[in-house]
Amino acid sequence: VIHREVTDLFSSVAWQLVMLGHGVSKQQQHHLVDTLTAEQREELLSNLRLLIDKTASALPKHVAFLASL
């Protein structure tokens, strides 16, 4: 879990993607995960998938982006 303030430039998801992109990965799950039910965890992951899919679908295809350079 990433603590974030309302005034932060990047969202929690953005920070997670930055860390993953730099090869930083977790060694174990955060203890707060154990406080969630399986349904709550699935809902959080489902919402994350939807957000990533929505963001990615709004971006140009790789070939189109390269052609625009």
PDB file of N, CA and C in Angstrom:
ATOM      1  N   VAL A   1       0.854  -1.168   0.000  1.00  0.00           N
ATOM      2  CA  VAL A   1       0.000   0.000   0.000  1.00  0.00           C
ATOM      3  C   VAL A   1       0.899   1.229   0.000  1.00  0.00           C
ATOM      4  N   ILE A   2       0.562   2.158  -0.828  1.00  0.00           N
ATOM      5  CA  ILE A   2       1.340   3.389  -0.941  1.00  0.00           C
ATOM      6  C   ILE A   2       0.543   4.520  -0.305  1.00  0.00           C
ATOM      7  N   HIS A   3       1.133   5.169   0.706  1.00  0.00           N
ATOM      8  CA  HIS A   3       0.471   6.317   1.330  1.00  0.00           C
ATOM      9  C   HIS A   3       0.570   7.498   0.384  1.00  0.00           C
ATOM     10  N   ARG A   4      -0.527   8.195   0.228  1.00  0.00           N
ATOM     11  CA  ARG A   4      -0.510   9.317  -0.697  1.00  0.00           C
ATOM     12  C   ARG A   4      -1.372  10.433  -0.166  1.00  0.00           C
ATOM     13  N   GLU A   5      -0.985  11.653  -0.465  1.00  0.00           N
ATOM     14  CA  GLU A   5      -1.723  12.852  -0.080  1.00  0.00           C
ATOM     15  C   GLU A   5      -2.559  13.316  -1.268  1.00  0.00           C
ATOM     16  N   VAL A   6      -3.594  14.077  -0.997  1.00  0.00           N
ATOM     17  CA  VAL A   6      -4.473  14.587  -2.053  1.00  0.00           C
ATOM     18  C   VAL A   6      -3.690  15.431  -3.056  1.00  0.00           C
ATOM     19  N   THR A   7      -2.662  16.109  -2.596  1.00  0.00           N
ATOM     20  CA  THR A   7      -1.890  17.004  -3.462  1.00  0.00           C
ATOM     21  C   THR A   7      -0.780  16.298  -4.233  1.00  0.00           C
ATOM     22  N   ASP A   8      -0.634  14.981  -4.050  1.00  0.00           N
ATOM     23  CA  ASP A   8       0.419  14.248  -4.757  1.00  0.00           C
ATOM     24  C   ASP A   8       0.209  14.311  -6.262  1.00  0.00           C
ATOM     25  N   LEU A   9       1.317  14.358  -6.983  1.00  0.00           N
ATOM     26  CA  LEU A   9       1.277  14.442  -8.436  1.00  0.00           C
ATOM     27  C   LEU A   9       0.800  13.136  -9.065  1.00  0.00           C
ATOM     28  N   PHE A  10       1.245  12.001  -8.528  1.00  0.00           N
ATOM     29  CA  PHE A  10       0.919  10.703  -9.115  1.00  0.00           C
ATOM     30  C   PHE A  10      -0.059   9.928  -8.245  1.00  0.00           C
ATOM     31  N   SER A  11      -0.884   9.105  -8.876  1.00  0.00           N
ATOM     32  CA  SER A  11      -1.806   8.239  -8.144  1.00  0.00           C
ATOM     33  C   SER A  11      -1.056   7.027  -7.605  1.00  0.00           C
ATOM     34  N   SER A  12      -1.706   6.269  -6.735  1.00  0.00           N
ATOM     35  CA  SER A  12      -1.102   5.043  -6.200  1.00  0.00           C
ATOM     36  C   SER A  12      -0.775   4.071  -7.318  1.00  0.00           C
ATOM     37  N   VAL A  13      -1.677   3.940  -8.276  1.00  0.00           N
ATOM     38  CA  VAL A  13      -1.449   3.028  -9.401  1.00  0.00           C
ATOM     39  C   VAL A  13      -0.218   3.464 -10.187  1.00  0.00           C
ATOM     40  N   ALA A  14      -0.084   4.773 -10.422  1.00  0.00           N
ATOM     41  CA  ALA A  14       1.073   5.271 -11.173  1.00  0.00           C
ATOM     42  C   ALA A  14       2.372   4.947 -10.442  1.00  0.00           C
ATOM     43  N   TRP A  15       2.387   5.131  -9.129  1.00  0.00           N
ATOM     44  CA  TRP A  15       3.597   4.810  -8.367  1.00  0.00           C
ATOM     45  C   TRP A  15       3.901   3.321  -8.437  1.00  0.00           C
ATOM     46  N   GLN A  16       2.878   2.494  -8.353  1.00  0.00           N
ATOM     47  CA  GLN A  16       3.090   1.046  -8.439  1.00  0.00           C
ATOM     48  C   GLN A  16       3.690   0.677  -9.790  1.00  0.00           C
ATOM     49  N   LEU A  17       3.185   1.274 -10.855  1.00  0.00           N
ATOM     50  CA  LEU A  17       3.701   0.979 -12.188  1.00  0.00           C
ATOM     51  C   LEU A  17       5.134   1.477 -12.353  1.00  0.00           C
ATOM     52  N   VAL A  18       5.442   2.629 -11.766  1.00  0.00           N
ATOM     53  CA  VAL A  18       6.820   3.134 -11.811  1.00  0.00           C
ATOM     54  C   VAL A  18       7.755   2.152 -11.110  1.00  0.00           C
ATOM     55  N   MET A  19       7.359   1.706  -9.926  1.00  0.00           N
ATOM     56  CA  MET A  19       8.210   0.774  -9.178  1.00  0.00           C
ATOM     57  C   MET A  19       8.379  -0.545  -9.924  1.00  0.00           C
ATOM     58  N   LEU A  20       7.293  -1.059 -10.491  1.00  0.00           N
ATOM     59  CA  LEU A  20       7.396  -2.301 -11.265  1.00  0.00           C
ATOM     60  C   LEU A  20       8.302  -2.108 -12.470  1.00  0.00           C
ATOM     61  N   GLY A  21       8.186  -0.964 -13.123  1.00  0.00           N
ATOM     62  CA  GLY A  21       9.023  -0.671 -14.279  1.00  0.00           C
ATOM     63  C   GLY A  21      10.504  -0.601 -13.939  1.00  0.00           C
ATOM     64  N   HIS A  22      10.798  -0.252 -12.697  1.00  0.00           N
ATOM     65  CA  HIS A  22      12.190  -0.189 -12.244  1.00  0.00           C
ATOM     66  C   HIS A  22      12.640  -1.482 -11.583  1.00  0.00           C
ATOM     67  N   GLY A  23      11.806  -2.505 -11.667  1.00  0.00           N
ATOM     68  CA  GLY A  23      12.190  -3.803 -11.116  1.00  0.00           C
ATOM     69  C   GLY A  23      12.006  -3.934  -9.617  1.00  0.00           C
ATOM     70  N   VAL A  24      11.310  -2.983  -9.006  1.00  0.00           N
ATOM     71  CA  VAL A  24      11.050  -3.063  -7.568  1.00  0.00           C
ATOM     72  C   VAL A  24       9.775  -3.870  -7.373  1.00  0.00           C
ATOM     73  N   SER A  25       9.894  -4.977  -6.663  1.00  0.00           N
ATOM     74  CA  SER A  25       8.708  -5.801  -6.418  1.00  0.00           C
ATOM     75  C   SER A  25       8.643  -6.168  -4.947  1.00  0.00           C
ATOM     76  N   LYS A  26       7.472  -6.531  -4.522  1.00  0.00           N
ATOM     77  CA  LYS A  26       7.269  -6.869  -3.114  1.00  0.00           C
ATOM     78  C   LYS A  26       7.825  -8.256  -2.813  1.00  0.00           C
ATOM     79  N   GLN A  27       8.232  -8.443  -1.592  1.00  0.00           N
ATOM     80  CA  GLN A  27       8.720  -9.744  -1.153  1.00  0.00           C
ATOM     81  C   GLN A  27       7.615 -10.528  -0.461  1.00  0.00           C
ATOM     82  N   GLN A  28       6.625  -9.817   0.054  1.00  0.00           N
ATOM     83  CA  GLN A  28       5.481 -10.455   0.702  1.00  0.00           C
ATOM     84  C   GLN A  28       4.316  -9.482   0.640  1.00  0.00           C
ATOM     85  N   GLN A  29       3.116  -9.990   0.880  1.00  0.00           N
ATOM     86  CA  GLN A  29       1.965  -9.096   0.810  1.00  0.00           C
ATOM     87  C   GLN A  29       1.896  -8.221   2.055  1.00  0.00           C
ATOM     88  N   HIS A  30       1.272  -7.063   1.902  1.00  0.00           N
ATOM     89  CA  HIS A  30       1.097  -6.140   3.015  1.00  0.00           C
ATOM     90  C   HIS A  30       0.128  -6.758   4.015  1.00  0.00           C
ATOM     91  N   HIS A  31       0.369  -6.521   5.285  1.00  0.00           N
ATOM     92  CA  HIS A  31      -0.481  -7.125   6.317  1.00  0.00           C
ATOM     93  C   HIS A  31      -1.935  -6.664   6.239  1.00  0.00           C
ATOM     94  N   LEU A  32      -2.200  -5.499   5.657  1.00  0.00           N
ATOM     95  CA  LEU A  32      -3.583  -5.036   5.530  1.00  0.00           C
ATOM     96  C   LEU A  32      -4.395  -5.897   4.565  1.00  0.00           C
ATOM     97  N   VAL A  33      -3.708  -6.579   3.652  1.00  0.00           N
ATOM     98  CA  VAL A  33      -4.406  -7.464   2.713  1.00  0.00           C
ATOM     99  C   VAL A  33      -5.156  -8.549   3.478  1.00  0.00           C
ATOM    100  N   ASP A  34      -4.575  -8.979   4.582  1.00  0.00           N
ATOM    101  CA  ASP A  34      -5.206 -10.027   5.380  1.00  0.00           C
ATOM    102  C   ASP A  34      -6.491  -9.568   6.052  1.00  0.00           C
ATOM    103  N   THR A  35      -6.728  -8.257   6.095  1.00  0.00           N
ATOM    104  CA  THR A  35      -7.958  -7.752   6.705  1.00  0.00           C
ATOM    105  C   THR A  35      -9.116  -7.731   5.715  1.00  0.00           C
ATOM    106  N   LEU A  36      -8.832  -7.962   4.439  1.00  0.00           N
ATOM    107  CA  LEU A  36      -9.866  -7.950   3.404  1.00  0.00           C
ATOM    108  C   LEU A  36     -10.379  -9.358   3.145  1.00  0.00           C
ATOM    109  N   THR A  37     -11.634  -9.435   2.783  1.00  0.00           N
ATOM    110  CA  THR A  37     -12.180 -10.726   2.370  1.00  0.00           C
ATOM    111  C   THR A  37     -11.705 -11.021   0.952  1.00  0.00           C
ATOM    112  N   ALA A  38     -11.862 -12.260   0.542  1.00  0.00           N
ATOM    113  CA  ALA A  38     -11.494 -12.636  -0.826  1.00  0.00           C
ATOM    114  C   ALA A  38     -12.287 -11.807  -1.831  1.00  0.00           C
ATOM    115  N   GLU A  39     -13.550 -11.549  -1.516  1.00  0.00           N
ATOM    116  CA  GLU A  39     -14.393 -10.757  -2.420  1.00  0.00           C
ATOM    117  C   GLU A  39     -13.880  -9.318  -2.524  1.00  0.00           C
ATOM    118  N   GLN A  40     -13.457  -8.742  -1.411  1.00  0.00           N
ATOM    119  CA  GLN A  40     -12.927  -7.377  -1.431  1.00  0.00           C
ATOM    120  C   GLN A  40     -11.623  -7.304  -2.220  1.00  0.00           C
ATOM    121  N   ARG A  41     -10.776  -8.292  -2.037  1.00  0.00           N
ATOM    122  CA  ARG A  41      -9.519  -8.318  -2.802  1.00  0.00           C
ATOM    123  C   ARG A  41      -9.803  -8.441  -4.292  1.00  0.00           C
ATOM    124  N   GLU A  42     -10.739  -9.317  -4.647  1.00  0.00           N
ATOM    125  CA  GLU A  42     -11.078  -9.490  -6.060  1.00  0.00           C
ATOM    126  C   GLU A  42     -11.668  -8.207  -6.640  1.00  0.00           C
ATOM    127  N   GLU A  43     -12.489  -7.507  -5.864  1.00  0.00           N
ATOM    128  CA  GLU A  43     -13.068  -6.247  -6.337  1.00  0.00           C
ATOM    129  C   GLU A  43     -11.976  -5.198  -6.565  1.00  0.00           C
ATOM    130  N   LEU A  44     -11.029  -5.103  -5.638  1.00  0.00           N
ATOM    131  CA  LEU A  44      -9.927  -4.156  -5.807  1.00  0.00           C
ATOM    132  C   LEU A  44      -9.112  -4.471  -7.055  1.00  0.00           C
ATOM    133  N   LEU A  45      -8.788  -5.741  -7.248  1.00  0.00           N
ATOM    134  CA  LEU A  45      -8.007  -6.128  -8.427  1.00  0.00           C
ATOM    135  C   LEU A  45      -8.803  -5.933  -9.711  1.00  0.00           C
ATOM    136  N   SER A  46     -10.087  -6.216  -9.654  1.00  0.00           N
ATOM    137  CA  SER A  46     -10.942  -6.022 -10.825  1.00  0.00           C
ATOM    138  C   SER A  46     -10.995  -4.541 -11.206  1.00  0.00           C
ATOM    139  N   ASN A  47     -11.143  -3.675 -10.207  1.00  0.00           N
ATOM    140  CA  ASN A  47     -11.158  -2.233 -10.471  1.00  0.00           C
ATOM    141  C   ASN A  47      -9.825  -1.761 -11.034  1.00  0.00           C
ATOM    142  N   LEU A  48      -8.736  -2.323 -10.537  1.00  0.00           N
ATOM    143  CA  LEU A  48      -7.415  -1.976 -11.055  1.00  0.00           C
ATOM    144  C   LEU A  48      -7.282  -2.403 -12.511  1.00  0.00           C
ATOM    145  N   ARG A  49      -7.746  -3.621 -12.820  1.00  0.00           N
ATOM    146  CA  ARG A  49      -7.716  -4.096 -14.214  1.00  0.00           C
ATOM    147  C   ARG A  49      -8.515  -3.169 -15.120  1.00  0.00           C
ATOM    148  N   LEU A  50      -9.711  -2.778 -14.671  1.00  0.00           N
ATOM    149  CA  LEU A  50     -10.558  -1.887 -15.470  1.00  0.00           C
ATOM    150  C   LEU A  50      -9.878  -0.540 -15.704  1.00  0.00           C
ATOM    151  N   LEU A  51      -9.252  -0.001 -14.673  1.00  0.00           N
ATOM    152  CA  LEU A  51      -8.563   1.279 -14.804  1.00  0.00           C
ATOM    153  C   LEU A  51      -7.406   1.186 -15.791  1.00  0.00           C
ATOM    154  N   ILE A  52      -6.626   0.125 -15.689  1.00  0.00           N
ATOM    155  CA  ILE A  52      -5.500  -0.057 -16.608  1.00  0.00           C
ATOM    156  C   ILE A  52      -6.005  -0.261 -18.032  1.00  0.00           C
ATOM    157  N   ASP A  53      -7.041  -1.085 -18.207  1.00  0.00           N
ATOM    158  CA  ASP A  53      -7.605  -1.314 -19.542  1.00  0.00           C
ATOM    159  C   ASP A  53      -8.151  -0.020 -20.144  1.00  0.00           C
ATOM    160  N   LYS A  54      -8.861   0.768 -19.331  1.00  0.00           N
ATOM    161  CA  LYS A  54      -9.433   2.031 -19.815  1.00  0.00           C
ATOM    162  C   LYS A  54      -8.322   2.995 -20.228  1.00  0.00           C
ATOM    163  N   THR A  55      -7.296   3.077 -19.413  1.00  0.00           N
ATOM    164  CA  THR A  55      -6.176   3.967 -19.716  1.00  0.00           C
ATOM    165  C   THR A  55      -5.448   3.514 -20.976  1.00  0.00           C
ATOM    166  N   ALA A  56      -5.160   2.221 -21.057  1.00  0.00           N
ATOM    167  CA  ALA A  56      -4.431   1.691 -22.215  1.00  0.00           C
ATOM    168  C   ALA A  56      -5.235   1.840 -23.501  1.00  0.00           C
ATOM    169  N   SER A  57      -6.544   1.647 -23.430  1.00  0.00           N
ATOM    170  CA  SER A  57      -7.360   1.737 -24.646  1.00  0.00           C
ATOM    171  C   SER A  57      -7.458   3.171 -25.156  1.00  0.00           C
ATOM    172  N   ALA A  58      -7.223   4.144 -24.281  1.00  0.00           N
ATOM    173  CA  ALA A  58      -7.267   5.548 -24.699  1.00  0.00           C
ATOM    174  C   ALA A  58      -5.967   5.984 -25.373  1.00  0.00           C
ATOM    175  N   LEU A  59      -4.928   5.189 -25.237  1.00  0.00           N
ATOM    176  CA  LEU A  59      -3.638   5.528 -25.828  1.00  0.00           C
ATOM    177  C   LEU A  59      -3.584   5.089 -27.287  1.00  0.00           C
ATOM    178  N   PRO A  60      -2.774   5.765 -28.091  1.00  0.00           N
ATOM    179  CA  PRO A  60      -2.640   5.332 -29.487  1.00  0.00           C
ATOM    180  C   PRO A  60      -1.901   3.997 -29.561  1.00  0.00           C
ATOM    181  N   LYS A  61      -2.165   3.255 -30.609  1.00  0.00           N
ATOM    182  CA  LYS A  61      -1.424   2.011 -30.845  1.00  0.00           C
ATOM    183  C   LYS A  61       0.041   2.366 -31.068  1.00  0.00           C
ATOM    184  N   HIS A  62       0.916   1.436 -30.788  1.00  0.00           N
ATOM    185  CA  HIS A  62       2.354   1.683 -30.873  1.00  0.00           C
ATOM    186  C   HIS A  62       2.761   2.178 -32.265  1.00  0.00           C
ATOM    187  N   VAL A  63       2.264   1.527 -33.297  1.00  0.00           N
ATOM    188  CA  VAL A  63       2.606   1.910 -34.675  1.00  0.00           C
ATOM    189  C   VAL A  63       2.125   3.330 -34.963  1.00  0.00           C
ATOM    190  N   ALA A  64       0.918   3.655 -34.513  1.00  0.00           N
ATOM    191  CA  ALA A  64       0.381   4.997 -34.741  1.00  0.00           C
ATOM    192  C   ALA A  64       1.206   6.046 -33.996  1.00  0.00           C
ATOM    193  N   PHE A  65       1.619   5.711 -32.785  1.00  0.00           N
ATOM    194  CA  PHE A  65       2.446   6.648 -32.030  1.00  0.00           C
ATOM    195  C   PHE A  65       3.777   6.890 -32.730  1.00  0.00           C
ATOM    196  N   LEU A  66       4.416   5.820 -33.164  1.00  0.00           N
ATOM    197  CA  LEU A  66       5.697   5.965 -33.858  1.00  0.00           C
ATOM    198  C   LEU A  66       5.543   6.766 -35.145  1.00  0.00           C
ATOM    199  N   ALA A  67       4.436   6.560 -35.847  1.00  0.00           N
ATOM    200  CA  ALA A  67       4.199   7.296 -37.086  1.00  0.00           C
ATOM    201  C   ALA A  67       4.002   8.787 -36.823  1.00  0.00           C
ATOM    202  N   SER A  68       3.559   9.123 -35.625  1.00  0.00           N
ATOM    203  CA  SER A  68       3.314  10.531 -35.305  1.00  0.00           C
ATOM    204  C   SER A  68       4.587  11.282 -34.934  1.00  0.00           C
ATOM    205  N   LEU A  69       5.684  10.568 -34.770  1.00  0.00           N
ATOM    206  CA  LEU A  69       6.943  11.225 -34.366  1.00  0.00           C
ATOM    207  C   LEU A  69       7.607  11.942 -35.519  1.00  0.00           C
TER     208      LEU A  69
END
